[in-house]
Amino acid sequence: MNKQTNKPAPFIGISRHRLATDGVGVTTLAAFWGCPLRCAYCLNPHSLSVDAKVQHYTPQELYDAVKIDNLYFAATGGGITFGGGEPCLYPDFIAKFREMCGAEWTITMETSLNVPFENIEKLVSVVDYWIVDCKDLNPETYEKYTKKSNLHTITNLKFLIEQGKSKKIRVRVPRIENYNTETDIETSVSTLHEMGLTDIEIFTYNITRKKNIRESKLMGDNNANRIKCV
């Protein structure tokens, strides 16, 4: 057995009984500590803080902590959503967790995809759904906002599409005050359509409250629209 896959990983929190928030059915969000990005308006700044209250779990320990909701998952088609921070930094952990929970639970990733390609290679057969926050597809805008290149993000997104996962991907395109415009957003959405993606959600970072929120309203609202194409 690979000892690496049984190593504990750092988490900033576990949130149970989430419905229609970050995946199908009833989900439990397990949020990892650590992220490669340094976004100007970070949703979870404690995922980067050295002073954050971090709890470490092995895959078995995490499974033991969340299996209490197995009946909810089975009844609704739900399961575990890995977020953070950046969950794709921990592919071996997630692959081992899949062995624990089996195929019955749905595993969803909330991710920027800004990780080495080999991480996504390890996860492509493990993960059921992908929720990708792409920030902005313009490289200059992305780097200005995150302090990182978006090359990994684009490469990994294309790889998932090539692997036949386009119907299992939702891409979130944010309005980011002082960083992108409605024209920039339209360009990103058009590019995503050309790549073969159809589930695209436009939302607004609420910077006045110093944290980001995703509005719950759908198309027609000035704050958040989901574009679902057939």
Protein backbone atom coordinates (compact mmCIF):
# COMPACT_ATOMS: atom_id res chain seq x y z
CA MET A 1 0.00 0.00 0.00
CA ASN A 2 1.30 3.44 -0.91
CA LYS A 3 2.06 5.24 2.33
CA GLN A 4 1.81 8.58 0.56
CA THR A 5 -1.92 8.10 -0.02
CA ASN A 6 -2.48 7.51 3.70
CA LYS A 7 -0.76 10.67 4.87
CA PRO A 8 -2.95 13.18 6.71
CA ALA A 9 -3.95 16.37 4.91
CA PRO A 10 -4.81 19.77 6.40
CA PHE A 11 -8.43 20.96 6.45
CA ILE A 12 -9.95 24.26 7.52
CA GLY A 13 -13.42 22.88 8.02
CA ILE A 14 -16.20 20.40 7.26
CA SER A 15 -19.73 21.62 6.53
CA ARG A 16 -22.60 19.10 6.47
CA HIS A 17 -26.12 19.07 5.02
CA ARG A 18 -25.56 21.43 2.12
CA LEU A 19 -28.30 21.37 -0.51
CA ALA A 20 -28.10 22.77 -4.06
CA THR A 21 -25.00 24.74 -3.07
CA ASP A 22 -21.96 22.90 -4.37
CA GLY A 23 -23.10 19.75 -6.09
CA VAL A 24 -26.09 17.49 -6.65
CA GLY A 25 -28.20 16.33 -3.74
CA VAL A 26 -27.15 16.70 -0.12
CA THR A 27 -23.42 17.30 0.14
CA THR A 28 -20.74 17.67 2.76
CA LEU A 29 -18.07 20.24 2.00
CA ALA A 30 -14.55 19.31 3.09
CA ALA A 31 -12.30 22.34 2.71
CA PHE A 32 -8.55 21.86 2.42
CA TRP A 33 -5.98 24.32 3.71
CA GLY A 34 -3.56 25.71 1.12
CA CYS A 35 -3.88 27.40 -2.26
CA PRO A 36 -1.44 28.33 -5.07
CA LEU A 37 -3.29 31.59 -5.83
CA ARG A 38 -3.15 34.91 -4.05
CA CYS A 39 -6.45 36.44 -5.16
CA ALA A 40 -7.13 40.07 -4.33
CA TYR A 41 -10.60 39.18 -3.01
CA CYS A 42 -10.12 35.79 -1.39
CA LEU A 43 -13.22 33.87 -0.30
CA ASN A 44 -11.37 31.88 2.36
CA PRO A 45 -8.28 33.81 3.46
CA HIS A 46 -7.89 31.47 6.44
CA SER A 47 -7.02 28.75 3.90
CA LEU A 48 -3.71 30.60 3.48
CA SER A 49 -3.12 31.84 7.00
CA VAL A 50 -0.37 30.21 9.07
CA ASP A 51 -2.52 31.06 12.10
CA ALA A 52 -5.58 29.24 10.80
CA LYS A 53 -7.19 26.56 12.90
CA VAL A 54 -6.27 23.48 10.88
CA GLN A 55 -7.34 19.92 11.51
CA HIS A 56 -5.49 17.01 9.92
CA TYR A 57 -7.24 13.90 8.63
CA THR A 58 -6.06 10.77 6.90
CA PRO A 59 -8.43 9.54 4.17
CA GLN A 60 -9.78 6.93 6.59
CA GLU A 61 -10.29 9.49 9.34
CA LEU A 62 -12.13 11.84 7.01
CA TYR A 63 -14.33 9.00 5.77
CA ASP A 64 -15.13 8.02 9.34
CA ALA A 65 -16.05 11.64 10.12
CA VAL A 66 -18.46 12.10 7.19
CA LYS A 67 -20.01 8.66 6.70
CA ILE A 68 -22.71 9.57 9.21
CA ASP A 69 -24.55 11.18 6.28
CA ASN A 70 -24.37 8.17 3.99
CA LEU A 71 -28.19 7.79 3.98
CA TYR A 72 -28.60 11.40 2.81
CA PHE A 73 -26.07 10.86 0.06
CA ALA A 74 -27.72 7.63 -1.08
CA ALA A 75 -31.21 9.14 -1.10
CA THR A 76 -30.29 12.29 -3.04
CA GLY A 77 -27.32 11.30 -5.20
CA GLY A 78 -25.11 13.56 -3.15
CA GLY A 79 -21.73 13.05 -1.56
CA ILE A 80 -18.54 14.95 -0.82
CA THR A 81 -17.48 18.27 -2.30
CA PHE A 82 -13.81 19.01 -1.86
CA GLY A 83 -13.00 22.72 -1.73
CA GLY A 84 -10.62 24.97 0.05
CA GLY A 85 -8.19 26.39 -0.58
CA GLU A 86 -7.32 24.21 -3.54
CA PRO A 87 -8.33 20.53 -3.30
CA CYS A 88 -6.44 19.53 -6.44
CA LEU A 89 -3.21 19.97 -4.48
CA TYR A 90 -4.10 16.67 -2.79
CA PRO A 91 -4.83 14.14 -5.58
CA ASP A 92 -3.44 11.10 -3.76
CA PHE A 93 -5.55 11.83 -0.69
CA ILE A 94 -8.72 12.18 -2.78
CA ALA A 95 -7.98 9.03 -4.79
CA LYS A 96 -7.55 7.09 -1.54
CA PHE A 97 -10.76 8.59 -0.16
CA ARG A 98 -12.60 7.31 -3.25
CA GLU A 99 -11.44 3.82 -2.34
CA MET A 100 -12.98 4.33 1.10
CA CYS A 101 -16.37 5.66 0.01
CA GLY A 102 -16.74 3.59 -3.17
CA ALA A 103 -18.60 4.57 -6.32
CA GLU A 104 -21.90 5.30 -4.58
CA TRP A 105 -20.92 8.76 -3.33
CA THR A 106 -20.63 11.66 -5.74
CA ILE A 107 -17.31 13.46 -5.50
CA THR A 108 -17.29 17.08 -6.65
CA MET A 109 -14.30 19.40 -6.87
CA GLU A 110 -14.50 23.16 -6.34
CA THR A 111 -11.24 24.22 -7.93
CA SER A 112 -9.29 26.79 -9.90
CA LEU A 113 -7.54 23.92 -11.74
CA ASN A 114 -4.33 25.90 -11.24
CA VAL A 115 -2.22 22.89 -10.30
CA PRO A 116 0.33 20.73 -12.14
CA PHE A 117 -1.12 18.65 -14.98
CA GLU A 118 -0.18 15.36 -13.30
CA ASN A 119 -2.53 16.19 -10.41
CA ILE A 120 -5.51 16.34 -12.75
CA GLU A 121 -4.37 13.17 -14.51
CA LYS A 122 -4.64 11.39 -11.17
CA LEU A 123 -8.09 12.81 -10.48
CA VAL A 124 -9.83 12.56 -13.85
CA SER A 125 -11.10 9.02 -13.19
CA VAL A 126 -11.84 9.70 -9.52
CA VAL A 127 -13.97 12.85 -9.61
CA ASP A 128 -17.60 12.94 -10.80
CA TYR A 129 -18.20 16.68 -11.17
CA TRP A 130 -16.01 19.74 -11.47
CA ILE A 131 -16.93 23.28 -10.41
CA VAL A 132 -14.23 25.51 -11.87
CA ASP A 133 -13.71 29.14 -10.87
CA CYS A 134 -11.78 30.37 -13.89
CA LYS A 135 -11.49 34.00 -12.69
CA ASP A 136 -10.94 35.45 -16.19
CA LEU A 137 -9.54 33.77 -19.28
CA ASN A 138 -7.48 36.80 -20.22
CA PRO A 139 -3.93 35.93 -19.02
CA GLU A 140 -3.09 39.48 -18.02
CA THR A 141 -6.29 39.99 -16.03
CA TYR A 142 -5.89 36.59 -14.36
CA GLU A 143 -2.31 37.26 -13.32
CA LYS A 144 -3.12 40.75 -12.08
CA TYR A 145 -5.89 39.35 -9.89
CA THR A 146 -4.31 36.08 -8.67
CA LYS A 147 -0.58 36.85 -8.94
CA LYS A 148 -0.27 33.61 -10.94
CA SER A 149 -0.36 32.53 -14.59
CA ASN A 150 -3.51 30.79 -15.83
CA LEU A 151 -1.57 28.37 -18.06
CA HIS A 152 -2.25 25.40 -15.74
CA THR A 153 -5.93 26.30 -15.56
CA ILE A 154 -6.39 26.39 -19.34
CA THR A 155 -4.30 23.27 -19.95
CA ASN A 156 -6.15 21.26 -17.32
CA LEU A 157 -9.57 22.46 -18.46
CA LYS A 158 -8.82 21.43 -22.04
CA PHE A 159 -7.60 18.05 -20.79
CA LEU A 160 -10.86 17.40 -18.92
CA ILE A 161 -12.83 18.30 -22.03
CA GLU A 162 -10.68 15.96 -24.13
CA GLN A 163 -11.42 13.21 -21.62
CA GLY A 164 -15.15 13.61 -22.28
CA LYS A 165 -15.95 15.50 -19.07
CA SER A 166 -17.50 18.63 -20.62
CA LYS A 167 -21.01 17.73 -19.38
CA LYS A 168 -19.61 17.23 -15.89
CA ILE A 169 -18.06 20.70 -15.64
CA ARG A 170 -19.63 23.93 -14.43
CA VAL A 171 -17.46 27.00 -14.98
CA ARG A 172 -17.94 30.06 -12.82
CA VAL A 173 -17.02 33.38 -14.40
CA PRO A 174 -16.92 36.19 -11.84
CA ARG A 175 -17.44 39.90 -12.18
CA ILE A 176 -14.40 41.26 -10.37
CA GLU A 177 -14.57 44.96 -9.58
CA ASN A 178 -11.46 46.86 -10.73
CA TYR A 179 -10.20 43.81 -12.65
CA ASN A 180 -12.58 42.81 -15.46
CA THR A 181 -15.48 44.31 -17.40
CA GLU A 182 -18.71 43.02 -18.91
CA THR A 183 -16.88 42.82 -22.24
CA ASP A 184 -14.17 40.70 -20.63
CA ILE A 185 -16.81 38.40 -19.20
CA GLU A 186 -18.54 38.06 -22.56
CA THR A 187 -15.20 37.17 -24.14
CA SER A 188 -14.50 34.51 -21.50
CA VAL A 189 -17.99 33.01 -21.92
CA SER A 190 -17.64 32.96 -25.71
CA THR A 191 -14.28 31.19 -25.44
CA LEU A 192 -15.71 28.63 -23.03
CA HIS A 193 -18.56 27.93 -25.45
CA GLU A 194 -16.04 27.43 -28.26
CA MET A 195 -14.24 24.91 -26.04
CA GLY A 196 -17.46 22.90 -25.81
CA LEU A 197 -18.64 23.92 -22.33
CA THR A 198 -22.32 24.68 -21.78
CA ASP A 199 -22.84 25.08 -18.02
CA ILE A 200 -21.49 28.54 -17.27
CA GLU A 201 -22.38 30.63 -14.24
CA ILE A 202 -21.78 34.37 -14.06
CA PHE A 203 -21.63 35.80 -10.56
CA THR A 204 -20.36 38.81 -8.67
CA TYR A 205 -17.63 39.05 -6.06
CA ASN A 206 -19.06 41.14 -3.23
CA ILE A 207 -16.03 43.13 -2.18
CA THR A 208 -17.93 45.61 -0.02
CA ARG A 209 -18.35 42.91 2.64
CA LYS A 210 -14.73 41.78 2.19
CA LYS A 211 -15.77 38.36 1.06
CA ASN A 212 -17.15 36.78 -2.05
CA ILE A 213 -20.71 35.54 -2.40
CA ARG A 214 -22.53 33.79 -5.18
CA GLU A 215 -26.05 35.16 -5.61
CA SER A 216 -28.75 32.51 -5.71
CA LYS A 217 -30.84 34.04 -8.49
CA LEU A 218 -30.58 32.80 -12.03
CA MET A 219 -30.61 34.50 -15.40
CA GLY A 220 -32.29 37.88 -15.46
CA ASP A 221 -30.78 39.07 -12.21
CA ASN A 222 -28.10 41.76 -12.50
CA ASN A 223 -25.85 39.98 -10.01
CA ALA A 224 -25.77 36.37 -11.07
CA ASN A 225 -26.67 34.48 -14.21
CA ARG A 226 -26.28 30.88 -15.15
CA ILE A 227 -26.02 30.19 -18.84
CA LYS A 228 -27.15 26.67 -19.62
CA CYS A 229 -26.91 25.85 -23.33
CA VAL A 230 -28.14 22.74 -25.11
